[in-house]
């Protein structure tokens, strides 16, 4: 469910199913670079944040290039990038990008 309008509709549907008025955190699950909609999707998340419908916004499974583009085009740094991280997959470059941007 990526793209600006699709994201807003998906958010509304999720709130209805959960019986909530807002979320504490809302994430883009995957950048889906082949579809190239993640910046527009993130702009929808920014609107939800500005409207008080979520308290924080972030992403999942984004790599440094995705994060760089997202921040360059929106000016808004995600509070979190949920990624796979363990001793067998340390993702040093990604962790360095997070540290540079202040992402948890």
Protein backbone atom coordinates (compact mmCIF):
# COMPACT_ATOMS: atom_id res chain seq x y z
CA UNK A 1 0.00 0.00 0.00
CA UNK A 2 2.42 2.67 -1.16
CA UNK A 3 1.76 6.08 -2.67
CA UNK A 4 0.32 9.17 -1.02
CA UNK A 5 -3.44 8.55 -1.25
CA UNK A 6 -3.15 4.78 -0.88
CA UNK A 7 -1.15 5.23 2.32
CA UNK A 8 -3.72 7.58 3.83
CA UNK A 9 -6.51 5.12 3.02
CA UNK A 10 -4.53 2.20 4.46
CA UNK A 11 -3.86 4.18 7.64
CA UNK A 12 -7.56 4.96 8.06
CA UNK A 13 -8.45 1.30 7.51
CA UNK A 14 -5.89 0.22 10.12
CA UNK A 15 -7.22 2.68 12.69
CA UNK A 16 -10.76 1.47 12.07
CA UNK A 17 -9.76 -2.19 12.49
CA UNK A 18 -7.83 -1.40 15.66
CA UNK A 19 -10.50 0.89 17.08
CA UNK A 20 -7.96 3.67 17.63
CA UNK A 21 -7.87 7.40 17.04
CA UNK A 22 -4.08 7.59 16.54
CA UNK A 23 -0.94 5.45 16.54
CA UNK A 24 2.25 5.96 18.49
CA UNK A 25 4.43 4.99 15.52
CA UNK A 26 3.71 4.39 11.84
CA UNK A 27 6.30 2.88 9.48
CA UNK A 28 6.85 2.25 5.80
CA UNK A 29 7.57 -1.49 5.75
CA UNK A 30 9.84 -1.56 2.70
CA UNK A 31 11.06 1.06 0.21
CA UNK A 32 9.95 -1.08 -2.79
CA UNK A 33 12.42 0.78 -5.04
CA UNK A 34 11.06 -0.79 -8.23
CA UNK A 35 7.78 1.05 -7.65
CA UNK A 36 9.58 4.27 -6.62
CA UNK A 37 6.75 5.48 -4.39
CA UNK A 38 8.43 5.57 -1.00
CA UNK A 39 9.01 9.35 -0.98
CA UNK A 40 5.33 10.04 -1.72
CA UNK A 41 4.40 7.42 0.86
CA UNK A 42 6.59 9.16 3.42
CA UNK A 43 4.95 12.50 2.60
CA UNK A 44 1.64 10.89 3.56
CA UNK A 45 3.21 9.84 6.87
CA UNK A 46 4.36 13.43 7.38
CA UNK A 47 0.76 14.59 6.94
CA UNK A 48 -0.46 12.03 9.47
CA UNK A 49 2.16 13.30 11.90
CA UNK A 50 1.26 16.95 11.30
CA UNK A 51 -2.43 16.14 11.78
CA UNK A 52 -1.73 14.42 15.11
CA UNK A 53 -2.90 11.04 13.82
CA UNK A 54 0.44 9.43 14.67
CA UNK A 55 3.02 10.52 17.21
CA UNK A 56 6.08 9.43 15.25
CA UNK A 57 6.98 8.17 11.77
CA UNK A 58 9.71 5.90 10.53
CA UNK A 59 10.75 3.26 8.04
CA UNK A 60 11.76 -0.41 7.85
CA UNK A 61 14.38 -2.12 5.74
CA UNK A 62 15.74 1.08 4.20
CA UNK A 63 19.38 1.20 3.10
CA UNK A 64 21.61 4.31 3.22
CA UNK A 65 20.73 5.39 -0.34
CA UNK A 66 17.00 5.20 0.45
CA UNK A 67 17.48 7.21 3.64
CA UNK A 68 19.62 9.83 1.89
CA UNK A 69 17.00 10.34 -0.81
CA UNK A 70 14.16 10.43 1.68
CA UNK A 71 15.81 13.09 3.83
CA UNK A 72 17.01 15.09 0.80
CA UNK A 73 13.53 15.22 -0.73
CA UNK A 74 11.45 15.70 2.43
CA UNK A 75 13.78 17.26 5.00
CA UNK A 76 12.27 14.98 7.66
CA UNK A 77 14.44 12.31 9.28
CA UNK A 78 12.62 9.11 10.29
CA UNK A 79 12.80 8.42 14.03
CA UNK A 80 13.52 4.74 13.42
CA UNK A 81 14.61 2.35 10.69
CA UNK A 82 13.58 -1.16 11.73
CA UNK A 83 16.14 -3.53 10.22
CA UNK A 84 17.55 -7.01 10.69
CA UNK A 85 20.61 -6.73 12.90
CA UNK A 86 22.52 -9.47 14.72
CA UNK A 87 26.10 -10.80 15.04
CA UNK A 88 25.82 -12.47 11.63
CA UNK A 89 24.47 -9.32 9.95
CA UNK A 90 26.03 -6.27 11.56
CA UNK A 91 25.25 -3.76 8.78
CA UNK A 92 28.05 -1.37 9.73
CA UNK A 93 27.43 1.06 6.85
CA UNK A 94 23.75 1.26 7.68
CA UNK A 95 24.44 1.78 11.39
CA UNK A 96 26.88 4.56 10.47
CA UNK A 97 24.18 6.20 8.32
CA UNK A 98 21.75 5.96 11.25
CA UNK A 99 24.28 7.55 13.59
CA UNK A 100 24.92 10.37 11.13
CA UNK A 101 21.22 11.13 10.79
CA UNK A 102 20.25 10.52 14.41
CA UNK A 103 18.03 7.53 13.60
CA UNK A 104 17.38 4.94 16.31
